[in-house]
Protein backbone atom coordinates (compact mmCIF):
# COMPACT_ATOMS: atom_id res chain seq x y z
CA MET A 1 -0.22 -0.01 -0.18
CA THR A 2 1.76 3.08 -0.77
CA GLN A 3 -0.68 5.24 1.51
CA THR A 4 2.01 7.65 3.36
CA LEU A 5 2.31 7.77 7.36
CA VAL A 6 3.07 10.62 8.85
CA LEU A 7 3.14 10.87 12.72
CA ALA A 8 2.43 14.32 14.21
CA SER A 9 4.94 14.13 17.45
CA ALA A 10 8.02 14.89 17.89
CA SER A 11 8.69 11.71 20.53
CA ALA A 12 11.27 9.68 18.95
CA ILE A 13 10.27 6.46 21.15
CA ARG A 14 6.87 6.75 19.22
CA ARG A 15 8.63 6.90 15.92
CA THR A 16 11.08 4.19 17.04
CA MET A 17 7.93 2.02 17.59
CA LEU A 18 6.27 2.53 14.09
CA ILE A 19 9.63 1.57 12.50
CA ASN A 20 10.07 -1.23 14.84
CA ALA A 21 7.00 -2.68 13.64
CA GLY A 22 7.57 -2.34 9.84
CA LEU A 23 6.02 1.18 9.26
CA THR A 24 7.92 3.82 7.55
CA VAL A 25 6.44 7.07 8.39
CA THR A 26 7.05 10.91 8.12
CA VAL A 27 7.58 12.98 10.79
CA ASP A 28 6.22 15.98 11.25
CA PRO A 29 5.38 17.48 14.93
CA ALA A 30 2.17 19.14 15.49
CA GLN A 31 2.57 22.59 17.59
CA ILE A 32 -0.89 23.10 19.88
CA ASP A 33 -1.07 24.86 22.70
CA GLU A 34 -1.60 21.22 25.29
CA GLN A 35 -2.40 23.49 28.42
CA ALA A 36 -5.43 25.63 26.89
CA VAL A 37 -6.85 22.68 25.44
CA LYS A 38 -6.27 20.59 28.93
CA ALA A 39 -7.69 23.79 30.79
CA GLU A 40 -10.58 23.83 28.46
CA LEU A 41 -11.78 20.10 29.16
CA ARG A 42 -11.10 19.92 32.43
CA ALA A 43 -13.02 22.84 32.99
CA HIS A 44 -16.09 20.78 31.47
CA GLN A 45 -15.31 17.74 33.39
CA SER A 46 -13.58 15.64 30.82
CA PRO A 47 -12.24 12.09 31.67
CA VAL A 48 -8.89 12.36 31.60
CA GLU A 49 -9.12 9.18 28.57
CA THR A 50 -11.20 11.99 26.36
CA VAL A 51 -8.74 14.47 26.98
CA ALA A 52 -5.72 12.27 25.68
CA ILE A 53 -7.39 11.44 22.89
CA GLU A 54 -8.87 15.23 22.50
CA LEU A 55 -5.17 15.83 22.57
CA ALA A 56 -3.98 13.13 20.03
CA VAL A 57 -7.10 14.14 17.55
CA ARG A 58 -6.06 18.12 17.35
CA LYS A 59 -2.55 17.13 16.53
CA ALA A 60 -3.51 15.02 13.77
CA LYS A 61 -5.62 17.65 12.60
CA SER A 62 -3.09 20.55 12.93
CA VAL A 63 -0.53 18.53 10.50
CA ALA A 64 -3.18 16.85 8.20
CA GLY A 65 -3.56 19.35 5.99
CA ARG A 66 0.23 19.76 4.98
CA HIS A 67 -0.23 16.13 4.09
CA PRO A 68 -3.14 15.53 1.44
CA GLY A 69 -4.00 12.01 1.29
CA ALA A 70 -2.07 10.72 4.07
CA LEU A 71 -3.20 9.11 7.28
CA VAL A 72 -2.13 11.24 9.94
CA ILE A 73 -1.33 9.56 13.47
CA GLY A 74 -1.62 11.62 16.72
CA ALA A 75 -1.25 10.77 20.25
CA ASP A 76 -0.76 11.89 23.76
CA GLN A 77 -0.07 10.71 27.08
CA ILE A 78 -1.42 12.66 30.34
CA LEU A 79 0.44 11.15 33.61
CA ASP A 80 -2.89 10.99 36.24
CA ALA A 81 -1.89 10.89 40.07
CA ALA A 82 -4.95 10.65 41.91
CA GLY A 83 -6.36 13.45 39.79
CA GLU A 84 -3.46 15.49 39.38
CA TRP A 85 -2.19 15.73 35.93
CA LEU A 86 1.14 15.88 35.50
CA ASP A 87 3.37 17.56 32.82
CA LYS A 88 6.45 17.15 31.46
CA PRO A 89 8.89 18.59 34.41
CA ALA A 90 10.62 21.99 33.52
CA ASP A 91 13.88 21.26 35.04
CA ARG A 92 15.85 19.13 37.26
CA VAL A 93 14.19 20.71 40.34
CA ALA A 94 10.78 20.15 39.07
CA ALA A 95 11.69 16.31 38.21
CA ALA A 96 12.78 15.78 41.37
CA ARG A 97 9.90 17.08 43.06
CA GLN A 98 7.63 15.05 40.48
CA LEU A 99 9.47 11.55 41.28
CA ALA A 100 9.14 12.16 45.25
CA SER A 101 5.21 12.99 44.93
CA LEU A 102 5.07 9.96 42.87
CA SER A 103 7.56 7.31 45.11
CA GLY A 104 5.36 4.95 47.09
CA ARG A 105 2.20 5.64 45.16
CA THR A 106 0.45 4.41 42.31
CA HIS A 107 -0.66 5.98 39.05
CA ARG A 108 -1.44 5.73 35.69
CA LEU A 109 -0.61 6.74 32.52
CA ILE A 110 -3.52 6.85 29.48
CA SER A 111 -1.97 7.25 26.10
CA GLY A 112 -4.54 8.27 23.25
CA VAL A 113 -4.16 7.54 19.74
CA ALA A 114 -6.03 8.85 16.61
CA VAL A 115 -5.68 8.85 12.93
CA VAL A 116 -7.32 11.65 10.12
CA ALA A 117 -7.46 11.07 6.86
CA GLY A 118 -8.34 13.88 4.48
CA GLY A 119 -8.59 16.27 7.49
CA GLN A 120 -11.44 13.68 9.11
CA GLU A 121 -10.42 11.48 12.01
CA VAL A 122 -10.92 7.91 10.94
CA TRP A 123 -9.78 6.13 14.09
CA ARG A 124 -9.75 6.92 17.74
CA MET A 125 -9.15 5.08 21.17
CA ALA A 126 -7.19 5.42 24.39
CA ASP A 127 -5.33 2.74 26.74
CA ALA A 128 -4.34 2.97 30.52
CA VAL A 129 -1.75 1.77 32.54
CA THR A 130 -1.56 1.56 35.99
CA LEU A 131 2.12 1.91 37.29
CA HIS A 132 2.83 0.97 41.07
CA MET A 133 6.35 2.94 42.37
CA ARG A 134 8.42 1.69 44.97
CA THR A 135 9.76 4.19 47.61
CA LEU A 136 12.73 6.31 46.21
CA THR A 137 14.72 7.55 48.85
CA PRO A 138 16.06 11.26 48.39
CA ALA A 139 19.64 9.92 47.04
CA PHE A 140 18.13 7.46 44.76
CA ILE A 141 16.26 10.43 43.12
CA GLU A 142 19.37 12.44 42.75
CA THR A 143 21.44 9.74 41.84
CA TYR A 144 18.83 8.69 39.42
CA LEU A 145 18.87 12.07 37.73
CA ASP A 146 22.84 12.15 37.34
CA ARG A 147 22.51 9.23 35.10
CA VAL A 148 19.82 9.96 33.09
CA GLY A 149 20.52 13.63 32.68
CA GLY A 150 18.39 15.93 30.43
CA ALA A 151 16.45 12.34 29.44
CA ALA A 152 14.61 13.14 32.62
CA LEU A 153 13.06 16.86 31.10
CA THR A 154 11.60 14.53 27.83
CA SER A 155 8.60 12.50 29.57
CA VAL A 156 5.74 13.05 32.11
CA GLY A 157 6.98 11.73 35.60
CA ALA A 158 10.39 12.10 34.56
CA TYR A 159 11.17 8.41 33.81
CA GLN A 160 11.47 6.34 30.58
CA LEU A 161 10.05 2.83 31.07
CA GLU A 162 12.70 1.60 28.33
CA GLY A 163 15.75 2.72 30.27
CA LEU A 164 17.09 3.11 33.76
CA GLY A 165 13.11 4.03 34.72
CA ALA A 166 12.31 0.62 34.94
CA GLN A 167 14.07 1.00 38.37
CA LEU A 168 11.48 2.78 39.61
CA PHE A 169 8.85 0.26 39.61
CA ARG A 170 7.91 -2.50 41.67
CA ARG A 171 4.89 -3.18 39.44
CA ILE A 172 3.31 -2.39 36.15
CA ASP A 173 -0.72 -3.32 35.20
CA GLY A 174 -1.09 -2.84 31.59
CA ASP A 175 0.44 -2.63 27.99
CA TYR A 176 4.15 -1.95 27.91
CA PHE A 177 3.74 0.11 24.31
CA THR A 178 1.08 2.18 26.32
CA VAL A 179 3.77 3.25 28.73
CA LEU A 180 5.65 4.39 26.35
CA GLY A 181 3.29 6.49 24.65
CA LEU A 182 1.27 4.63 21.91
CA PRO A 183 -1.26 2.11 22.25
CA LEU A 184 0.55 0.49 19.35
CA LEU A 185 -1.23 -3.07 18.80
CA PRO A 186 -4.72 -1.82 18.42
CA LEU A 187 -3.40 1.04 15.72
CA LEU A 188 -1.74 -1.95 13.80
CA ALA A 189 -4.93 -3.78 14.13
CA PHE A 190 -6.52 -0.52 12.81
CA LEU A 191 -3.87 -0.01 9.47
CA ARG A 192 -4.38 -3.83 9.06
CA GLU A 193 -8.06 -3.26 8.31
CA ARG A 194 -7.45 -0.24 5.82
CA GLY A 195 -5.08 -2.43 4.16
CA ILE A 196 -1.90 -0.27 5.04
CA ILE A 197 -0.29 -3.13 6.13
CA ALA A 198 -0.76 -6.79 5.43
CA GLU A 199 -2.65 -9.32 7.34
């Protein structure tokens, strides 16, 4: 199938997941005001799953006009800690604060994904994973941040499960790909239904 796939995300791990799954993708990161969208939907008491999907849809639609005829994939992820939605930490101090606040607690990662074709949404879904973080000492947090460096600022919660972040957890309930920011298997199933990849 020759239909182009476009990923409306700057996330290197999302791109890697798609490529590792055998897909050829063009990357064209979306530029939307995520905080404004979150505030708007939160004011309407929208569930966090709805917010994650809506962010994904808006990202895909914002890019779709530049790629007529393509399938545009939008994705977003929200960390929900007992009703508090965390954003990517702005600096090391914020990263340490996030890790300390999550230490010994359970939180959820909600990943939304949407596909847009011809400016119209053709598919959407969200998946949630529950993560149980072990209790972290202040010394461990500082050592961890020393080792991961700037990578701590690239994701909510200041961790990447595919790397040293695995040491932060005692249990994870749910899909590994969802933790990484993309419900990959349902997306691949949709692409098979569309004939983009072979059965």
